[in-house]
C-alpha atoms as a PDB file:
ATOM      1  CA  MET A   1     -34.121 -68.327 -24.871  1.00  0.00           C
ATOM      2  CA  LYS A   2     -36.807 -65.844 -24.698  1.00  0.00           C
ATOM      3  CA  VAL A   3     -40.638 -67.929 -25.301  1.00  0.00           C
ATOM      4  CA  GLY A   4     -42.313 -64.788 -27.122  1.00  0.00           C
ATOM      5  CA  PRO A   5     -46.438 -64.065 -26.360  1.00  0.00           C
ATOM      6  CA  ALA A   6     -47.849 -66.418 -28.921  1.00  0.00           C
ATOM      7  CA  GLY A   7     -50.477 -64.772 -31.347  1.00  0.00           C
ATOM      8  CA  ARG A   8     -53.929 -64.424 -30.265  1.00  0.00           C
ATOM      9  CA  SER A   9     -57.345 -65.556 -32.726  1.00  0.00           C
ATOM     10  CA  PRO A  10     -60.226 -62.455 -32.334  1.00  0.00           C
ATOM     11  CA  GLY A  11     -62.412 -64.462 -30.696  1.00  0.00           C
ATOM     12  CA  GLU A  12     -59.950 -65.289 -28.067  1.00  0.00           C
ATOM     13  CA  ASP A  13     -58.850 -60.881 -27.429  1.00  0.00           C
ATOM     14  CA  ARG A  14     -61.611 -60.814 -24.472  1.00  0.00           C
ATOM     15  CA  GLU A  15     -61.892 -58.901 -21.247  1.00  0.00           C
ATOM     16  CA  LEU A  16     -61.538 -61.309 -18.111  1.00  0.00           C
ATOM     17  CA  SER A  17     -64.173 -61.741 -15.375  1.00  0.00           C
ATOM     18  CA  ALA A  18     -63.322 -60.575 -12.410  1.00  0.00           C
ATOM     19  CA  HIS A  19     -62.944 -64.225 -11.236  1.00  0.00           C
ATOM     20  CA  GLU A  20     -60.515 -65.034 -13.929  1.00  0.00           C
ATOM     21  CA  LYS A  21     -58.181 -62.046 -13.452  1.00  0.00           C
ATOM     22  CA  PRO A  22     -55.124 -62.427 -11.194  1.00  0.00           C
ATOM     23  CA  ASP A  23     -55.357 -60.477  -7.800  1.00  0.00           C
ATOM     24  CA  MET A  24     -51.811 -58.543  -8.446  1.00  0.00           C
ATOM     25  CA  SER A  25     -53.428 -56.500  -5.404  1.00  0.00           C
ATOM     26  CA  ARG A  26     -51.787 -58.794  -2.915  1.00  0.00           C
ATOM     27  CA  ILE A  27     -48.473 -59.790  -4.590  1.00  0.00           C
ATOM     28  CA  GLN A  28     -44.886 -57.814  -3.124  1.00  0.00           C
ATOM     29  CA  LEU A  29     -43.468 -56.243  -5.683  1.00  0.00           C
ATOM     30  CA  PRO A  30     -40.434 -56.504  -6.069  1.00  0.00           C
ATOM     31  CA  LEU A  31     -39.428 -59.787  -5.778  1.00  0.00           C
ATOM     32  CA  ARG A  32     -36.827 -60.085  -4.509  1.00  0.00           C
ATOM     33  CA  GLY A  33     -33.545 -63.226  -4.225  1.00  0.00           C
ATOM     34  CA  SER A  34     -30.054 -63.533  -2.983  1.00  0.00           C
ATOM     35  CA  ARG A  35     -28.641 -61.461  -5.664  1.00  0.00           C
ATOM     36  CA  LEU A  36     -31.249 -59.843  -7.751  1.00  0.00           C
ATOM     37  CA  SER A  37     -34.649 -59.102  -7.976  1.00  0.00           C
ATOM     38  CA  LEU A  38     -37.368 -58.989 -10.297  1.00  0.00           C
ATOM     39  CA  HIS A  39     -39.217 -55.211 -10.515  1.00  0.00           C
ATOM     40  CA  PRO A  40     -42.354 -54.274 -12.864  1.00  0.00           C
ATOM     41  CA  LEU A  41     -41.023 -53.433 -16.117  1.00  0.00           C
ATOM     42  CA  GLU A  42     -40.165 -49.427 -16.522  1.00  0.00           C
ATOM     43  CA  PRO A  43     -39.269 -47.285 -19.284  1.00  0.00           C
ATOM     44  CA  ALA A  44     -34.872 -47.191 -18.228  1.00  0.00           C
ATOM     45  CA  ASP A  45     -35.118 -51.064 -18.655  1.00  0.00           C
ATOM     46  CA  LEU A  46     -36.094 -50.985 -22.166  1.00  0.00           C
ATOM     47  CA  GLU A  47     -32.812 -48.712 -22.310  1.00  0.00           C
ATOM     48  CA  ALA A  48     -30.969 -51.261 -20.308  1.00  0.00           C
ATOM     49  CA  VAL A  49     -31.859 -54.296 -22.311  1.00  0.00           C
ATOM     50  CA  ALA A  50     -32.288 -52.520 -25.641  1.00  0.00           C
ATOM     51  CA  SER A  51     -29.036 -53.060 -27.450  1.00  0.00           C
ATOM     52  CA  PHE A  52     -30.017 -56.686 -27.678  1.00  0.00           C
ATOM     53  CA  PHE A  53     -33.485 -56.260 -29.295  1.00  0.00           C
ATOM     54  CA  ALA A  54     -31.389 -54.164 -32.107  1.00  0.00           C
ATOM     55  CA  ASP A  55     -29.024 -57.494 -32.281  1.00  0.00           C
ATOM     56  CA  PRO A  56     -30.037 -59.678 -35.006  1.00  0.00           C
ATOM     57  CA  GLU A  57     -27.274 -62.203 -33.664  1.00  0.00           C
ATOM     58  CA  ALA A  58     -28.534 -61.894 -29.816  1.00  0.00           C
ATOM     59  CA  LEU A  59     -32.366 -62.384 -30.676  1.00  0.00           C
ATOM     60  CA  TYR A  60     -31.143 -66.092 -32.147  1.00  0.00           C
ATOM     61  CA  PHE A  61     -32.893 -67.887 -29.722  1.00  0.00           C
ATOM     62  CA  TYR A  62     -35.225 -65.333 -27.910  1.00  0.00           C
ATOM     63  CA  LEU A  63     -38.150 -67.655 -29.758  1.00  0.00           C
ATOM     64  CA  PRO A  64     -40.479 -67.337 -31.551  1.00  0.00           C
ATOM     65  CA  ASP A  65     -38.916 -64.190 -32.255  1.00  0.00           C
ATOM     66  CA  LEU A  66     -38.553 -62.264 -35.986  1.00  0.00           C
ATOM     67  CA  LEU A  67     -34.722 -61.542 -36.670  1.00  0.00           C
ATOM     68  CA  LEU A  68     -35.688 -57.580 -37.269  1.00  0.00           C
ATOM     69  CA  PRO A  69     -33.560 -55.399 -35.232  1.00  0.00           C
ATOM     70  CA  ARG A  70     -35.616 -52.862 -33.489  1.00  0.00           C
ATOM     71  CA  ASN A  71     -34.854 -48.947 -32.556  1.00  0.00           C
ATOM     72  CA  ARG A  72     -36.539 -47.677 -29.718  1.00  0.00           C
ATOM     73  CA  ARG A  73     -39.740 -46.911 -29.982  1.00  0.00           C
ATOM     74  CA  GLN A  74     -40.856 -49.787 -31.866  1.00  0.00           C
ATOM     75  CA  LEU A  75     -39.109 -51.914 -28.598  1.00  0.00           C
ATOM     76  CA  GLU A  76     -41.640 -49.650 -26.556  1.00  0.00           C
ATOM     77  CA  SER A  77     -44.173 -50.620 -29.245  1.00  0.00           C
ATOM     78  CA  LEU A  78     -43.286 -54.537 -28.535  1.00  0.00           C
ATOM     79  CA  MET A  79     -43.614 -53.923 -24.802  1.00  0.00           C
ATOM     80  CA  GLU A  80     -47.220 -52.242 -25.096  1.00  0.00           C
ATOM     81  CA  VAL A  81     -47.834 -56.236 -26.405  1.00  0.00           C
ATOM     82  CA  TRP A  82     -45.949 -58.828 -24.459  1.00  0.00           C
ATOM     83  CA  ASN A  83     -46.392 -56.259 -21.052  1.00  0.00           C
ATOM     84  CA  ASP A  84     -50.413 -55.417 -21.236  1.00  0.00           C
ATOM     85  CA  GLY A  85     -51.332 -55.958 -17.767  1.00  0.00           C
ATOM     86  CA  ARG A  86     -53.506 -58.322 -18.527  1.00  0.00           C
ATOM     87  CA  THR A  87     -52.382 -61.723 -19.892  1.00  0.00           C
ATOM     88  CA  ASN A  88     -49.185 -60.532 -20.576  1.00  0.00           C
ATOM     89  CA  PHE A  89     -46.093 -59.584 -18.458  1.00  0.00           C
ATOM     90  CA  VAL A  90     -42.524 -58.378 -18.165  1.00  0.00           C
ATOM     91  CA  PHE A  91     -40.532 -58.103 -14.956  1.00  0.00           C
ATOM     92  CA  ALA A  92     -36.905 -56.574 -15.998  1.00  0.00           C
ATOM     93  CA  CYS A  93     -33.896 -58.369 -13.736  1.00  0.00           C
ATOM     94  CA  ARG A  94     -31.910 -56.204 -12.179  1.00  0.00           C
ATOM     95  CA  TYR A  95     -28.780 -57.096 -10.415  1.00  0.00           C
ATOM     96  CA  GLN A  96     -26.894 -54.276  -8.377  1.00  0.00           C
ATOM     97  CA  GLY A  97     -28.742 -51.771  -9.379  1.00  0.00           C
ATOM     98  CA  ARG A  98     -28.885 -52.385 -13.009  1.00  0.00           C
ATOM     99  CA  THR A  99     -31.002 -54.514 -15.591  1.00  0.00           C
ATOM    100  CA  LEU A 100     -28.976 -56.669 -17.055  1.00  0.00           C
ATOM    101  CA  GLY A 101     -32.249 -58.998 -18.644  1.00  0.00           C
ATOM    102  CA  LEU A 102     -36.175 -59.217 -18.569  1.00  0.00           C
ATOM    103  CA  VAL A 103     -38.335 -62.318 -17.540  1.00  0.00           C
ATOM    104  CA  THR A 104     -41.597 -62.712 -18.995  1.00  0.00           C
ATOM    105  CA  LEU A 105     -45.031 -64.667 -18.599  1.00  0.00           C
ATOM    106  CA  SER A 106     -46.998 -64.613 -21.808  1.00  0.00           C
ATOM    107  CA  ASP A 107     -50.555 -65.764 -22.239  1.00  0.00           C
ATOM    108  CA  LEU A 108     -51.404 -65.960 -19.004  1.00  0.00           C
ATOM    109  CA  ASP A 109     -54.751 -67.960 -18.418  1.00  0.00           C
ATOM    110  CA  PRO A 110     -55.945 -67.304 -14.829  1.00  0.00           C
ATOM    111  CA  LEU A 111     -58.534 -70.491 -15.370  1.00  0.00           C
ATOM    112  CA  ALA A 112     -56.975 -73.352 -16.790  1.00  0.00           C
ATOM    113  CA  GLY A 113     -53.970 -71.841 -14.479  1.00  0.00           C
ATOM    114  CA  ASN A 114     -51.452 -72.007 -17.797  1.00  0.00           C
ATOM    115  CA  ALA A 115     -48.688 -69.392 -18.930  1.00  0.00           C
ATOM    116  CA  GLU A 116     -45.811 -69.054 -20.902  1.00  0.00           C
ATOM    117  CA  LEU A 117     -42.061 -68.483 -19.586  1.00  0.00           C
ATOM    118  CA  GLY A 118     -39.501 -66.349 -21.357  1.00  0.00           C
ATOM    119  CA  ILE A 119     -36.212 -65.129 -20.125  1.00  0.00           C
ATOM    120  CA  MET A 120     -33.692 -63.042 -21.703  1.00  0.00           C
ATOM    121  CA  ILE A 121     -29.873 -62.422 -20.398  1.00  0.00           C
ATOM    122  CA  ALA A 122     -28.511 -59.188 -22.617  1.00  0.00           C
ATOM    123  CA  GLY A 123     -25.486 -59.471 -22.188  1.00  0.00           C
ATOM    124  CA  LYS A 124     -22.877 -61.763 -22.458  1.00  0.00           C
ATOM    125  CA  GLU A 125     -20.923 -61.352 -19.199  1.00  0.00           C
ATOM    126  CA  ASP A 126     -24.066 -61.648 -17.003  1.00  0.00           C
ATOM    127  CA  ARG A 127     -24.361 -65.671 -18.454  1.00  0.00           C
ATOM    128  CA  GLY A 128     -23.250 -68.535 -16.900  1.00  0.00           C
ATOM    129  CA  ARG A 129     -23.048 -67.029 -13.652  1.00  0.00           C
ATOM    130  CA  GLY A 130     -26.286 -68.401 -12.045  1.00  0.00           C
ATOM    131  CA  LEU A 131     -28.309 -65.187 -12.808  1.00  0.00           C
ATOM    132  CA  ALA A 132     -30.898 -66.695 -14.758  1.00  0.00           C
ATOM    133  CA  ARG A 133     -31.403 -70.126 -12.267  1.00  0.00           C
ATOM    134  CA  GLU A 134     -32.224 -67.060  -9.323  1.00  0.00           C
ATOM    135  CA  ALA A 135     -34.257 -65.035 -11.737  1.00  0.00           C
ATOM    136  CA  LEU A 136     -36.421 -68.358 -12.739  1.00  0.00           C
ATOM    137  CA  GLU A 137     -36.936 -69.770  -9.157  1.00  0.00           C
ATOM    138  CA  LEU A 138     -37.974 -66.456  -7.791  1.00  0.00           C
ATOM    139  CA  ILE A 139     -40.712 -66.767 -10.729  1.00  0.00           C
ATOM    140  CA  LEU A 140     -41.417 -70.189 -10.303  1.00  0.00           C
ATOM    141  CA  ALA A 141     -42.725 -69.262  -6.689  1.00  0.00           C
ATOM    142  CA  TYR A 142     -44.760 -65.718  -7.981  1.00  0.00           C
ATOM    143  CA  ALA A 143     -46.692 -67.888 -10.938  1.00  0.00           C
ATOM    144  CA  PHE A 144     -47.200 -71.160  -7.854  1.00  0.00           C
ATOM    145  CA  ASN A 145     -47.970 -69.374  -4.691  1.00  0.00           C
ATOM    146  CA  ASP A 146     -49.037 -66.340  -5.797  1.00  0.00           C
ATOM    147  CA  LEU A 147     -51.052 -66.688  -8.816  1.00  0.00           C
ATOM    148  CA  ARG A 148     -51.550 -69.902  -8.059  1.00  0.00           C
ATOM    149  CA  LEU A 149     -50.703 -71.424 -11.470  1.00  0.00           C
ATOM    150  CA  HIS A 150     -51.392 -74.836 -12.131  1.00  0.00           C
ATOM    151  CA  ARG A 151     -48.755 -75.153 -14.952  1.00  0.00           C
ATOM    152  CA  LEU A 152     -45.967 -73.460 -17.103  1.00  0.00           C
ATOM    153  CA  TYR A 153     -44.066 -74.488 -19.426  1.00  0.00           C
ATOM    154  CA  ALA A 154     -41.646 -72.827 -21.990  1.00  0.00           C
ATOM    155  CA  ARG A 155     -40.226 -73.517 -25.955  1.00  0.00           C
ATOM    156  CA  VAL A 156     -36.641 -73.872 -26.321  1.00  0.00           C
ATOM    157  CA  ALA A 157     -34.820 -74.396 -29.554  1.00  0.00           C
ATOM    158  CA  PRO A 158     -33.055 -77.574 -30.239  1.00  0.00           C
ATOM    159  CA  ASP A 159     -29.669 -76.044 -30.466  1.00  0.00           C
ATOM    160  CA  ASN A 160     -29.698 -74.063 -27.399  1.00  0.00           C
ATOM    161  CA  GLN A 161     -28.102 -75.567 -24.436  1.00  0.00           C
ATOM    162  CA  PRO A 162     -27.925 -73.517 -21.850  1.00  0.00           C
ATOM    163  CA  SER A 163     -31.396 -73.418 -21.715  1.00  0.00           C
ATOM    164  CA  LEU A 164     -31.875 -77.040 -22.565  1.00  0.00           C
ATOM    165  CA  GLU A 165     -30.009 -77.347 -19.073  1.00  0.00           C
ATOM    166  CA  LEU A 166     -31.354 -74.591 -16.861  1.00  0.00           C
ATOM    167  CA  PHE A 167     -34.830 -75.907 -17.650  1.00  0.00           C
ATOM    168  CA  ARG A 168     -33.936 -79.377 -16.332  1.00  0.00           C
ATOM    169  CA  ARG A 169     -32.366 -78.522 -13.306  1.00  0.00           C
ATOM    170  CA  LEU A 170     -36.062 -76.841 -12.402  1.00  0.00           C
ATOM    171  CA  GLY A 171     -37.324 -79.929 -13.156  1.00  0.00           C
ATOM    172  CA  PHE A 172     -39.519 -79.009 -16.809  1.00  0.00           C
ATOM    173  CA  VAL A 173     -40.270 -82.280 -18.228  1.00  0.00           C
ATOM    174  CA  LEU A 174     -39.280 -82.477 -22.194  1.00  0.00           C
ATOM    175  CA  GLU A 175     -43.810 -82.739 -23.400  1.00  0.00           C
ATOM    176  CA  GLY A 176     -42.817 -82.542 -26.886  1.00  0.00           C
ATOM    177  CA  ARG A 177     -41.466 -80.744 -30.330  1.00  0.00           C
ATOM    178  CA  ILE A 178     -43.289 -78.364 -31.767  1.00  0.00           C
ATOM    179  CA  ARG A 179     -42.065 -79.102 -35.803  1.00  0.00           C
ATOM    180  CA  GLU A 180     -40.675 -76.084 -38.217  1.00  0.00           C
ATOM    181  CA  PHE A 181     -42.521 -73.611 -35.783  1.00  0.00           C
ATOM    182  CA  VAL A 182     -39.564 -70.487 -36.406  1.00  0.00           C
ATOM    183  CA  ARG A 183     -38.100 -69.775 -39.908  1.00  0.00           C
ATOM    184  CA  ARG A 184     -34.608 -68.966 -39.543  1.00  0.00           C
ATOM    185  CA  GLY A 185     -32.520 -67.986 -42.693  1.00  0.00           C
ATOM    186  CA  ASP A 186     -33.733 -70.313 -45.545  1.00  0.00           C
ATOM    187  CA  GLY A 187     -35.567 -73.020 -44.012  1.00  0.00           C
ATOM    188  CA  TYR A 188     -37.683 -73.930 -40.797  1.00  0.00           C
ATOM    189  CA  GLY A 189     -36.223 -74.206 -36.964  1.00  0.00           C
ATOM    190  CA  ASP A 190     -38.293 -77.045 -34.546  1.00  0.00           C
ATOM    191  CA  LEU A 191     -38.640 -75.711 -30.363  1.00  0.00           C
ATOM    192  CA  LEU A 192     -39.051 -78.305 -28.313  1.00  0.00           C
ATOM    193  CA  LEU A 193     -42.488 -78.169 -25.393  1.00  0.00           C
ATOM    194  CA  PHE A 194     -41.118 -78.471 -21.684  1.00  0.00           C
ATOM    195  CA  GLY A 195     -43.680 -78.397 -18.806  1.00  0.00           C
ATOM    196  CA  LEU A 196     -43.764 -77.461 -15.148  1.00  0.00           C
ATOM    197  CA  LEU A 197     -47.050 -78.881 -13.094  1.00  0.00           C
ATOM    198  CA  GLU A 198     -47.300 -77.648  -9.787  1.00  0.00           C
ATOM    199  CA  PRO A 199     -47.568 -80.537  -8.289  1.00  0.00           C
ATOM    200  CA  GLU A 200     -43.692 -80.888 -10.339  1.00  0.00           C
ATOM    201  CA  TYR A 201     -42.482 -77.277  -8.372  1.00  0.00           C
ATOM    202  CA  ARG A 202     -43.184 -78.312  -5.209  1.00  0.00           C
ATOM    203  CA  GLN A 203     -41.540 -82.681  -5.573  1.00  0.00           C
ATOM    204  CA  SER A 204     -38.401 -79.992  -6.461  1.00  0.00           C
ATOM    205  CA  LEU A 205     -38.135 -77.538  -3.851  1.00  0.00           C
ATOM    206  CA  LYS A 206     -37.894 -81.183  -1.497  1.00  0.00           C
ATOM    207  CA  GLY A 207     -34.644 -81.784  -3.194  1.00  0.00           C
END
């Protein structure tokens, strides 16, 4: 249920001005929940999730990433792009002292107040326990409170039922369908676009 960083045209790869950059200096990390915490990505975190990125079957719903297994060096190169510290940020999701997944904020545009949200839980034994929801609740608070974003969005495969239910429970609204956006096997698959606005997030906290 990852939503990977989208591609940019050369004209979009520009240096952000001072007023456009998120003020990371005043943000307290790690982000801590009742059971888990989100930390800036470190080399040891990659070791914990390396097997996930080496397994094409596990990557099937980690969209729109290619179904290509990656070794440790390739994974490090990938994370340099996904975690550039400018518009893309990766957080390690840690539970009881171990890294169990990643949470991403991608294509962050401070001026427009938008970012794409993604999450992966590497091990099957850690799924279905509410840990993904807790991780997303932490990143939503971080994005709307600390980064003062206005809108978060996510792309989810139509047959990824656990992810669809998760985003809907968090208040995300189905905004549309991106047709035949990813190649899987001999065909192409659609993605569903979900979005959450800051006022909708505030309303969801009221129950």
